[in-house]
ModelCIF file with pLDDT and N, C-alpha, C, O atoms, coordinates in Angstrom:
data_MODEL
#
_entry.id   MODEL 
#
_entity.id                         1 
_entity.type                       polymer 
_entity.pdbx_number_of_molecules   1 
#
_entity_poly.entity_id                      1 
_entity_poly.type                           'polypeptide(L)' 
_entity_poly.nstd_linkage                   no 
_entity_poly.nstd_monomer                   no 
_entity_poly.pdbx_seq_one_letter_code       SGGGSVQAGGSLRLSCVASGNTPSTETMAWFRQAPGKEREGI 
_entity_poly.pdbx_seq_one_letter_code_can   SGGGSVQAGGSLRLSCVASGNTPSTETMAWFRQAPGKEREGI 
_entity_poly.pdbx_strand_id                 A 
#
loop_
_entity_poly_seq.entity_id 
_entity_poly_seq.num 
_entity_poly_seq.mon_id 
_entity_poly_seq.hetero 
1 1  SER n 
1 2  GLY n 
1 3  GLY n 
1 4  GLY n 
1 5  SER n 
1 6  VAL n 
1 7  GLN n 
1 8  ALA n 
1 9  GLY n 
1 10 GLY n 
1 11 SER n 
1 12 LEU n 
1 13 ARG n 
1 14 LEU n 
1 15 SER n 
1 16 CYS n 
1 17 VAL n 
1 18 ALA n 
1 19 SER n 
1 20 GLY n 
1 21 ASN n 
1 22 THR n 
1 23 PRO n 
1 24 SER n 
1 25 THR n 
1 26 GLU n 
1 27 THR n 
1 28 MET n 
1 29 ALA n 
1 30 TRP n 
1 31 PHE n 
1 32 ARG n 
1 33 GLN n 
1 34 ALA n 
1 35 PRO n 
1 36 GLY n 
1 37 LYS n 
1 38 GLU n 
1 39 ARG n 
1 40 GLU n 
1 41 GLY n 
1 42 ILE n 
#
_struct_asym.id          A 
_struct_asym.entity_id   1 
#
loop_
_ma_qa_metric.id 
_ma_qa_metric.mode 
_ma_qa_metric.name 
_ma_qa_metric.software_group_id 
_ma_qa_metric.type 
1 global pLDDT . pLDDT 
2 local  pLDDT . pLDDT 
#
_ma_qa_metric_global.metric_id      1 
_ma_qa_metric_global.metric_value   96.33 
_ma_qa_metric_global.model_id       1 
_ma_qa_metric_global.ordinal_id     1 
#
loop_
_ma_qa_metric_local.label_asym_id 
_ma_qa_metric_local.label_comp_id 
_ma_qa_metric_local.label_seq_id 
_ma_qa_metric_local.metric_id 
_ma_qa_metric_local.metric_value 
_ma_qa_metric_local.model_id 
_ma_qa_metric_local.ordinal_id 
A SER 1  2 97.00 1 1  
A GLY 2  2 98.00 1 2  
A GLY 3  2 98.00 1 3  
A GLY 4  2 98.00 1 4  
A SER 5  2 98.00 1 5  
A VAL 6  2 98.00 1 6  
A GLN 7  2 98.00 1 7  
A ALA 8  2 98.00 1 8  
A GLY 9  2 98.00 1 9  
A GLY 10 2 98.00 1 10 
A SER 11 2 98.00 1 11 
A LEU 12 2 98.00 1 12 
A ARG 13 2 98.00 1 13 
A LEU 14 2 98.00 1 14 
A SER 15 2 97.00 1 15 
A CYS 16 2 97.00 1 16 
A VAL 17 2 96.00 1 17 
A ALA 18 2 95.00 1 18 
A SER 19 2 95.00 1 19 
A GLY 20 2 96.00 1 20 
A ASN 21 2 95.00 1 21 
A THR 22 2 92.00 1 22 
A PRO 23 2 91.00 1 23 
A SER 24 2 93.00 1 24 
A THR 25 2 92.00 1 25 
A GLU 26 2 92.00 1 26 
A THR 27 2 94.00 1 27 
A MET 28 2 95.00 1 28 
A ALA 29 2 97.00 1 29 
A TRP 30 2 98.00 1 30 
A PHE 31 2 98.00 1 31 
A ARG 32 2 98.00 1 32 
A GLN 33 2 98.00 1 33 
A ALA 34 2 97.00 1 34 
A PRO 35 2 93.00 1 35 
A GLY 36 2 95.00 1 36 
A LYS 37 2 96.00 1 37 
A GLU 38 2 96.00 1 38 
A ARG 39 2 97.00 1 39 
A GLU 40 2 97.00 1 40 
A GLY 41 2 98.00 1 41 
A ILE 42 2 97.00 1 42 
#
loop_
_atom_site.group_PDB 
_atom_site.id 
_atom_site.type_symbol 
_atom_site.label_atom_id 
_atom_site.label_alt_id 
_atom_site.label_comp_id 
_atom_site.label_asym_id 
_atom_site.label_entity_id 
_atom_site.label_seq_id 
_atom_site.pdbx_PDB_ins_code 
_atom_site.Cartn_x 
_atom_site.Cartn_y 
_atom_site.Cartn_z 
_atom_site.occupancy 
_atom_site.B_iso_or_equiv 
_atom_site.pdbx_formal_charge 
_atom_site.auth_seq_id 
_atom_site.auth_comp_id 
_atom_site.auth_asym_id 
_atom_site.auth_atom_id 
_atom_site.pdbx_PDB_model_num 
ATOM 1   N N  . SER A 1 1  ? 16.900 44.240 -46.030 1.00 97.00 ? 1  SER A N  1 
ATOM 2   C CA . SER A 1 1  ? 18.012 44.985 -45.474 1.00 97.00 ? 1  SER A CA 1 
ATOM 3   C C  . SER A 1 1  ? 17.498 46.324 -44.964 1.00 97.00 ? 1  SER A C  1 
ATOM 4   O O  . SER A 1 1  ? 16.385 46.737 -45.291 1.00 97.00 ? 1  SER A O  1 
ATOM 5   N N  . GLY A 1 2  ? 18.307 46.992 -44.170 1.00 98.00 ? 2  GLY A N  1 
ATOM 6   C CA . GLY A 1 2  ? 17.976 48.324 -43.701 1.00 98.00 ? 2  GLY A CA 1 
ATOM 7   C C  . GLY A 1 2  ? 17.542 48.414 -42.262 1.00 98.00 ? 2  GLY A C  1 
ATOM 8   O O  . GLY A 1 2  ? 17.310 49.516 -41.764 1.00 98.00 ? 2  GLY A O  1 
ATOM 9   N N  . GLY A 1 3  ? 17.423 47.291 -41.572 1.00 98.00 ? 3  GLY A N  1 
ATOM 10  C CA . GLY A 1 3  ? 17.034 47.322 -40.179 1.00 98.00 ? 3  GLY A CA 1 
ATOM 11  C C  . GLY A 1 3  ? 18.131 47.899 -39.306 1.00 98.00 ? 3  GLY A C  1 
ATOM 12  O O  . GLY A 1 3  ? 19.281 48.027 -39.724 1.00 98.00 ? 3  GLY A O  1 
ATOM 13  N N  . GLY A 1 4  ? 17.755 48.244 -38.092 1.00 98.00 ? 4  GLY A N  1 
ATOM 14  C CA . GLY A 1 4  ? 18.709 48.808 -37.152 1.00 98.00 ? 4  GLY A CA 1 
ATOM 15  C C  . GLY A 1 4  ? 18.011 49.389 -35.955 1.00 98.00 ? 4  GLY A C  1 
ATOM 16  O O  . GLY A 1 4  ? 16.835 49.120 -35.712 1.00 98.00 ? 4  GLY A O  1 
ATOM 17  N N  . SER A 1 5  ? 18.743 50.189 -35.205 1.00 98.00 ? 5  SER A N  1 
ATOM 18  C CA . SER A 1 5  ? 18.222 50.843 -34.010 1.00 98.00 ? 5  SER A CA 1 
ATOM 19  C C  . SER A 1 5  ? 18.025 52.322 -34.269 1.00 98.00 ? 5  SER A C  1 
ATOM 20  O O  . SER A 1 5  ? 18.851 52.970 -34.912 1.00 98.00 ? 5  SER A O  1 
ATOM 21  N N  . VAL A 1 6  ? 16.922 52.848 -33.762 1.00 98.00 ? 6  VAL A N  1 
ATOM 22  C CA . VAL A 1 6  ? 16.590 54.243 -33.977 1.00 98.00 ? 6  VAL A CA 1 
ATOM 23  C C  . VAL A 1 6  ? 15.811 54.753 -32.768 1.00 98.00 ? 6  VAL A C  1 
ATOM 24  O O  . VAL A 1 6  ? 15.123 53.982 -32.099 1.00 98.00 ? 6  VAL A O  1 
ATOM 25  N N  . GLN A 1 7  ? 15.916 56.034 -32.492 1.00 98.00 ? 7  GLN A N  1 
ATOM 26  C CA . GLN A 1 7  ? 15.162 56.636 -31.408 1.00 98.00 ? 7  GLN A CA 1 
ATOM 27  C C  . GLN A 1 7  ? 13.717 56.871 -31.815 1.00 98.00 ? 7  GLN A C  1 
ATOM 28  O O  . GLN A 1 7  ? 13.408 57.027 -32.996 1.00 98.00 ? 7  GLN A O  1 
ATOM 29  N N  . ALA A 1 8  ? 12.840 56.894 -30.827 1.00 98.00 ? 8  ALA A N  1 
ATOM 30  C CA . ALA A 1 8  ? 11.439 57.187 -31.088 1.00 98.00 ? 8  ALA A CA 1 
ATOM 31  C C  . ALA A 1 8  ? 11.298 58.509 -31.835 1.00 98.00 ? 8  ALA A C  1 
ATOM 32  O O  . ALA A 1 8  ? 11.966 59.495 -31.522 1.00 98.00 ? 8  ALA A O  1 
ATOM 33  N N  . GLY A 1 9  ? 10.423 58.505 -32.816 1.00 98.00 ? 9  GLY A N  1 
ATOM 34  C CA . GLY A 1 9  ? 10.233 59.671 -33.655 1.00 98.00 ? 9  GLY A CA 1 
ATOM 35  C C  . GLY A 1 9  ? 11.108 59.692 -34.891 1.00 98.00 ? 9  GLY A C  1 
ATOM 36  O O  . GLY A 1 9  ? 10.919 60.529 -35.774 1.00 98.00 ? 9  GLY A O  1 
ATOM 37  N N  . GLY A 1 10 ? 12.058 58.784 -34.962 1.00 98.00 ? 10 GLY A N  1 
ATOM 38  C CA . GLY A 1 10 ? 12.963 58.734 -36.087 1.00 98.00 ? 10 GLY A CA 1 
ATOM 39  C C  . GLY A 1 10 ? 12.391 57.985 -37.267 1.00 98.00 ? 10 GLY A C  1 
ATOM 40  O O  . GLY A 1 10 ? 11.232 57.569 -37.264 1.00 98.00 ? 10 GLY A O  1 
ATOM 41  N N  . SER A 1 11 ? 13.232 57.821 -38.281 1.00 98.00 ? 11 SER A N  1 
ATOM 42  C CA . SER A 1 11 ? 12.820 57.176 -39.520 1.00 98.00 ? 11 SER A CA 1 
ATOM 43  C C  . SER A 1 11 ? 13.796 56.077 -39.899 1.00 98.00 ? 11 SER A C  1 
ATOM 44  O O  . SER A 1 11 ? 14.962 56.087 -39.502 1.00 98.00 ? 11 SER A O  1 
ATOM 45  N N  . LEU A 1 12 ? 13.292 55.133 -40.674 1.00 98.00 ? 12 LEU A N  1 
ATOM 46  C CA . LEU A 1 12 ? 14.100 54.032 -41.151 1.00 98.00 ? 12 LEU A CA 1 
ATOM 47  C C  . LEU A 1 12 ? 13.503 53.548 -42.465 1.00 98.00 ? 12 LEU A C  1 
ATOM 48  O O  . LEU A 1 12 ? 12.285 53.564 -42.643 1.00 98.00 ? 12 LEU A O  1 
ATOM 49  N N  . ARG A 1 13 ? 14.354 53.120 -43.376 1.00 98.00 ? 13 ARG A N  1 
ATOM 50  C CA . ARG A 1 13 ? 13.909 52.635 -44.672 1.00 98.00 ? 13 ARG A CA 1 
ATOM 51  C C  . ARG A 1 13 ? 14.398 51.202 -44.870 1.00 98.00 ? 13 ARG A C  1 
ATOM 52  O O  . ARG A 1 13 ? 15.601 50.942 -44.851 1.00 98.00 ? 13 ARG A O  1 
ATOM 53  N N  . LEU A 1 14 ? 13.468 50.286 -45.059 1.00 98.00 ? 14 LEU A N  1 
ATOM 54  C CA . LEU A 1 14 ? 13.784 48.898 -45.316 1.00 98.00 ? 14 LEU A CA 1 
ATOM 55  C C  . LEU A 1 14 ? 13.668 48.603 -46.803 1.00 98.00 ? 14 LEU A C  1 
ATOM 56  O O  . LEU A 1 14 ? 12.846 49.191 -47.506 1.00 98.00 ? 14 LEU A O  1 
ATOM 57  N N  . SER A 1 15 ? 14.501 47.688 -47.267 1.00 97.00 ? 15 SER A N  1 
ATOM 58  C CA . SER A 1 15 ? 14.475 47.276 -48.660 1.00 97.00 ? 15 SER A CA 1 
ATOM 59  C C  . SER A 1 15 ? 14.336 45.765 -48.751 1.00 97.00 ? 15 SER A C  1 
ATOM 60  O O  . SER A 1 15 ? 14.813 45.031 -47.884 1.00 97.00 ? 15 SER A O  1 
ATOM 61  N N  . CYS A 1 16 ? 13.684 45.313 -49.800 1.00 97.00 ? 16 CYS A N  1 
ATOM 62  C CA . CYS A 1 16 ? 13.544 43.891 -50.080 1.00 97.00 ? 16 CYS A CA 1 
ATOM 63  C C  . CYS A 1 16 ? 13.816 43.673 -51.555 1.00 97.00 ? 16 CYS A C  1 
ATOM 64  O O  . CYS A 1 16 ? 13.166 44.274 -52.411 1.00 97.00 ? 16 CYS A O  1 
ATOM 65  N N  . VAL A 1 17 ? 14.773 42.817 -51.848 1.00 96.00 ? 17 VAL A N  1 
ATOM 66  C CA . VAL A 1 17 ? 15.112 42.490 -53.226 1.00 96.00 ? 17 VAL A CA 1 
ATOM 67  C C  . VAL A 1 17 ? 14.675 41.061 -53.515 1.00 96.00 ? 17 VAL A C  1 
ATOM 68  O O  . VAL A 1 17 ? 15.045 40.134 -52.794 1.00 96.00 ? 17 VAL A O  1 
ATOM 69  N N  . ALA A 1 18 ? 13.898 40.887 -54.560 1.00 95.00 ? 18 ALA A N  1 
ATOM 70  C CA . ALA A 1 18 ? 13.400 39.581 -54.950 1.00 95.00 ? 18 ALA A CA 1 
ATOM 71  C C  . ALA A 1 18 ? 14.163 39.063 -56.158 1.00 95.00 ? 18 ALA A C  1 
ATOM 72  O O  . ALA A 1 18 ? 14.524 39.822 -57.057 1.00 95.00 ? 18 ALA A O  1 
ATOM 73  N N  . SER A 1 19 ? 14.402 37.761 -56.163 1.00 95.00 ? 19 SER A N  1 
ATOM 74  C CA . SER A 1 19 ? 15.057 37.121 -57.288 1.00 95.00 ? 19 SER A CA 1 
ATOM 75  C C  . SER A 1 19 ? 14.414 35.763 -57.543 1.00 95.00 ? 19 SER A C  1 
ATOM 76  O O  . SER A 1 19 ? 13.613 35.290 -56.736 1.00 95.00 ? 19 SER A O  1 
ATOM 77  N N  . GLY A 1 20 ? 14.762 35.143 -58.658 1.00 96.00 ? 20 GLY A N  1 
ATOM 78  C CA . GLY A 1 20 ? 14.161 33.885 -59.032 1.00 96.00 ? 20 GLY A CA 1 
ATOM 79  C C  . GLY A 1 20 ? 12.974 34.108 -59.947 1.00 96.00 ? 20 GLY A C  1 
ATOM 80  O O  . GLY A 1 20 ? 13.011 34.969 -60.826 1.00 96.00 ? 20 GLY A O  1 
ATOM 81  N N  . ASN A 1 21 ? 11.927 33.335 -59.743 1.00 95.00 ? 21 ASN A N  1 
ATOM 82  C CA . ASN A 1 21 ? 10.753 33.388 -60.606 1.00 95.00 ? 21 ASN A CA 1 
ATOM 83  C C  . ASN A 1 21 ? 9.809  34.494 -60.154 1.00 95.00 ? 21 ASN A C  1 
ATOM 84  O O  . ASN A 1 21 ? 8.670  34.231 -59.767 1.00 95.00 ? 21 ASN A O  1 
ATOM 85  N N  . THR A 1 22 ? 10.285 35.719 -60.205 1.00 92.00 ? 22 THR A N  1 
ATOM 86  C CA . THR A 1 22 ? 9.471  36.848 -59.756 1.00 92.00 ? 22 THR A CA 1 
ATOM 87  C C  . THR A 1 22 ? 8.210  37.083 -60.584 1.00 92.00 ? 22 THR A C  1 
ATOM 88  O O  . THR A 1 22 ? 7.232  37.591 -60.037 1.00 92.00 ? 22 THR A O  1 
ATOM 89  N N  . PRO A 1 23 ? 8.178  36.738 -61.888 1.00 91.00 ? 23 PRO A N  1 
ATOM 90  C CA . PRO A 1 23 ? 6.910  36.911 -62.625 1.00 91.00 ? 23 PRO A CA 1 
ATOM 91  C C  . PRO A 1 23 ? 5.765  36.061 -62.102 1.00 91.00 ? 23 PRO A C  1 
ATOM 92  O O  . PRO A 1 23 ? 4.609  36.316 -62.440 1.00 91.00 ? 23 PRO A O  1 
ATOM 93  N N  . SER A 1 24 ? 6.056  35.066 -61.293 1.00 93.00 ? 24 SER A N  1 
ATOM 94  C CA . SER A 1 24 ? 5.010  34.214 -60.744 1.00 93.00 ? 24 SER A CA 1 
ATOM 95  C C  . SER A 1 24 ? 4.268  34.861 -59.582 1.00 93.00 ? 24 SER A C  1 
ATOM 96  O O  . SER A 1 24 ? 3.261  34.322 -59.123 1.00 93.00 ? 24 SER A O  1 
ATOM 97  N N  . THR A 1 25 ? 4.740  35.992 -59.103 1.00 92.00 ? 25 THR A N  1 
ATOM 98  C CA . THR A 1 25 ? 4.125  36.655 -57.961 1.00 92.00 ? 25 THR A CA 1 
ATOM 99  C C  . THR A 1 25 ? 3.238  37.808 -58.402 1.00 92.00 ? 25 THR A C  1 
ATOM 100 O O  . THR A 1 25 ? 3.458  38.410 -59.453 1.00 92.00 ? 25 THR A O  1 
ATOM 101 N N  . GLU A 1 26 ? 2.240  38.108 -57.591 1.00 92.00 ? 26 GLU A N  1 
ATOM 102 C CA . GLU A 1 26 ? 1.353  39.224 -57.874 1.00 92.00 ? 26 GLU A CA 1 
ATOM 103 C C  . GLU A 1 26 ? 1.313  40.239 -56.739 1.00 92.00 ? 26 GLU A C  1 
ATOM 104 O O  . GLU A 1 26 ? 0.858  41.367 -56.929 1.00 92.00 ? 26 GLU A O  1 
ATOM 105 N N  . THR A 1 27 ? 1.783  39.846 -55.568 1.00 94.00 ? 27 THR A N  1 
ATOM 106 C CA . THR A 1 27 ? 1.730  40.712 -54.405 1.00 94.00 ? 27 THR A CA 1 
ATOM 107 C C  . THR A 1 27 ? 2.995  40.559 -53.583 1.00 94.00 ? 27 THR A C  1 
ATOM 108 O O  . THR A 1 27 ? 3.521  39.456 -53.434 1.00 94.00 ? 27 THR A O  1 
ATOM 109 N N  . MET A 1 28 ? 3.472  41.649 -53.061 1.00 95.00 ? 28 MET A N  1 
ATOM 110 C CA . MET A 1 28 ? 4.523  41.626 -52.061 1.00 95.00 ? 28 MET A CA 1 
ATOM 111 C C  . MET A 1 28 ? 4.030  42.390 -50.842 1.00 95.00 ? 28 MET A C  1 
ATOM 112 O O  . MET A 1 28 ? 3.189  43.283 -50.947 1.00 95.00 ? 28 MET A O  1 
ATOM 113 N N  . ALA A 1 29 ? 4.565  42.027 -49.692 1.00 97.00 ? 29 ALA A N  1 
ATOM 114 C CA . ALA A 1 29 ? 4.053  42.602 -48.459 1.00 97.00 ? 29 ALA A CA 1 
ATOM 115 C C  . ALA A 1 29 ? 5.133  42.633 -47.396 1.00 97.00 ? 29 ALA A C  1 
ATOM 116 O O  . ALA A 1 29 ? 6.152  41.948 -47.486 1.00 97.00 ? 29 ALA A O  1 
ATOM 117 N N  . TRP A 1 30 ? 4.877  43.449 -46.388 1.00 98.00 ? 30 TRP A N  1 
ATOM 118 C CA . TRP A 1 30 ? 5.720  43.514 -45.200 1.00 98.00 ? 30 TRP A CA 1 
ATOM 119 C C  . TRP A 1 30 ? 4.936  43.021 -43.999 1.00 98.00 ? 30 TRP A C  1 
ATOM 120 O O  . TRP A 1 30 ? 3.781  43.398 -43.796 1.00 98.00 ? 30 TRP A O  1 
ATOM 121 N N  . PHE A 1 31 ? 5.575  42.176 -43.206 1.00 98.00 ? 31 PHE A N  1 
ATOM 122 C CA . PHE A 1 31 ? 5.040  41.691 -41.949 1.00 98.00 ? 31 PHE A CA 1 
ATOM 123 C C  . PHE A 1 31 ? 6.031  41.990 -40.846 1.00 98.00 ? 31 PHE A C  1 
ATOM 124 O O  . PHE A 1 31 ? 7.199  42.280 -41.107 1.00 98.00 ? 31 PHE A O  1 
ATOM 125 N N  . ARG A 1 32 ? 5.566  41.919 -39.618 1.00 98.00 ? 32 ARG A N  1 
ATOM 126 C CA . ARG A 1 32 ? 6.464  42.058 -38.482 1.00 98.00 ? 32 ARG A CA 1 
ATOM 127 C C  . ARG A 1 32 ? 5.989  41.161 -37.355 1.00 98.00 ? 32 ARG A C  1 
ATOM 128 O O  . ARG A 1 32 ? 4.808  40.828 -37.258 1.00 98.00 ? 32 ARG A O  1 
ATOM 129 N N  . GLN A 1 33 ? 6.925  40.780 -36.510 1.00 98.00 ? 33 GLN A N  1 
ATOM 130 C CA . GLN A 1 33 ? 6.599  39.939 -35.377 1.00 98.00 ? 33 GLN A CA 1 
ATOM 131 C C  . GLN A 1 33 ? 7.494  40.298 -34.201 1.00 98.00 ? 33 GLN A C  1 
ATOM 132 O O  . GLN A 1 33 ? 8.721  40.250 -34.296 1.00 98.00 ? 33 GLN A O  1 
ATOM 133 N N  . ALA A 1 34 ? 6.864  40.656 -33.101 1.00 97.00 ? 34 ALA A N  1 
ATOM 134 C CA . ALA A 1 34 ? 7.565  40.943 -31.865 1.00 97.00 ? 34 ALA A CA 1 
ATOM 135 C C  . ALA A 1 34 ? 7.490  39.729 -30.957 1.00 97.00 ? 34 ALA A C  1 
ATOM 136 O O  . ALA A 1 34 ? 6.570  38.921 -31.089 1.00 97.00 ? 34 ALA A O  1 
ATOM 137 N N  . PRO A 1 35 ? 8.441  39.580 -30.034 1.00 93.00 ? 35 PRO A N  1 
ATOM 138 C CA . PRO A 1 35 ? 8.405  38.432 -29.120 1.00 93.00 ? 35 PRO A CA 1 
ATOM 139 C C  . PRO A 1 35 ? 7.087  38.350 -28.367 1.00 93.00 ? 35 PRO A C  1 
ATOM 140 O O  . PRO A 1 35 ? 6.610  39.342 -27.817 1.00 93.00 ? 35 PRO A O  1 
ATOM 141 N N  . GLY A 1 36 ? 6.502  37.153 -28.348 1.00 95.00 ? 36 GLY A N  1 
ATOM 142 C CA . GLY A 1 36 ? 5.254  36.935 -27.643 1.00 95.00 ? 36 GLY A CA 1 
ATOM 143 C C  . GLY A 1 36 ? 4.017  37.412 -28.363 1.00 95.00 ? 36 GLY A C  1 
ATOM 144 O O  . GLY A 1 36 ? 2.919  37.332 -27.812 1.00 95.00 ? 36 GLY A O  1 
ATOM 145 N N  . LYS A 1 37 ? 4.161  37.906 -29.580 1.00 96.00 ? 37 LYS A N  1 
ATOM 146 C CA . LYS A 1 37 ? 3.025  38.408 -30.331 1.00 96.00 ? 37 LYS A CA 1 
ATOM 147 C C  . LYS A 1 37 ? 2.893  37.673 -31.661 1.00 96.00 ? 37 LYS A C  1 
ATOM 148 O O  . LYS A 1 37 ? 3.856  37.098 -32.169 1.00 96.00 ? 37 LYS A O  1 
ATOM 149 N N  . GLU A 1 38 ? 1.696  37.702 -32.207 1.00 96.00 ? 38 GLU A N  1 
ATOM 150 C CA . GLU A 1 38 ? 1.449  37.084 -33.499 1.00 96.00 ? 38 GLU A CA 1 
ATOM 151 C C  . GLU A 1 38 ? 2.056  37.922 -34.614 1.00 96.00 ? 38 GLU A C  1 
ATOM 152 O O  . GLU A 1 38 ? 2.259  39.128 -34.472 1.00 96.00 ? 38 GLU A O  1 
ATOM 153 N N  . ARG A 1 39 ? 2.338  37.255 -35.723 1.00 97.00 ? 39 ARG A N  1 
ATOM 154 C CA . ARG A 1 39 ? 2.838  37.962 -36.885 1.00 97.00 ? 39 ARG A CA 1 
ATOM 155 C C  . ARG A 1 39 ? 1.762  38.902 -37.411 1.00 97.00 ? 39 ARG A C  1 
ATOM 156 O O  . ARG A 1 39 ? 0.606  38.512 -37.574 1.00 97.00 ? 39 ARG A O  1 
ATOM 157 N N  . GLU A 1 40 ? 2.151  40.129 -37.673 1.00 97.00 ? 40 GLU A N  1 
ATOM 158 C CA . GLU A 1 40 ? 1.228  41.173 -38.068 1.00 97.00 ? 40 GLU A CA 1 
ATOM 159 C C  . GLU A 1 40 ? 1.527  41.643 -39.488 1.00 97.00 ? 40 GLU A C  1 
ATOM 160 O O  . GLU A 1 40 ? 2.669  41.961 -39.819 1.00 97.00 ? 40 GLU A O  1 
ATOM 161 N N  . GLY A 1 41 ? 0.505  41.681 -40.309 1.00 98.00 ? 41 GLY A N  1 
ATOM 162 C CA . GLY A 1 41 ? 0.651  42.237 -41.639 1.00 98.00 ? 41 GLY A CA 1 
ATOM 163 C C  . GLY A 1 41 ? 0.691  43.746 -41.580 1.00 98.00 ? 41 GLY A C  1 
ATOM 164 O O  . GLY A 1 41 ? -0.229 44.372 -41.054 1.00 98.00 ? 41 GLY A O  1 
ATOM 165 N N  . ILE A 1 42 ? 1.747  44.339 -42.114 1.00 97.00 ? 42 ILE A N  1 
ATOM 166 C CA . ILE A 1 42 ? 1.915  45.789 -42.082 1.00 97.00 ? 42 ILE A CA 1 
ATOM 167 C C  . ILE A 1 42 ? 1.257  46.438 -43.298 1.00 97.00 ? 42 ILE A C  1 
ATOM 168 O O  . ILE A 1 42 ? 1.296  47.659 -43.443 1.00 97.00 ? 42 ILE A O  1 
#
């Protein structure tokens, strides 16, 4: 959650809430993908 539109130079805060078998994970990450581009690890 937290996405939206912002002007250049601005700020935005994204949140990710995990549920289920969360103890089974060791890493969380953010990725992004723009049209026509490969998915990029942030």
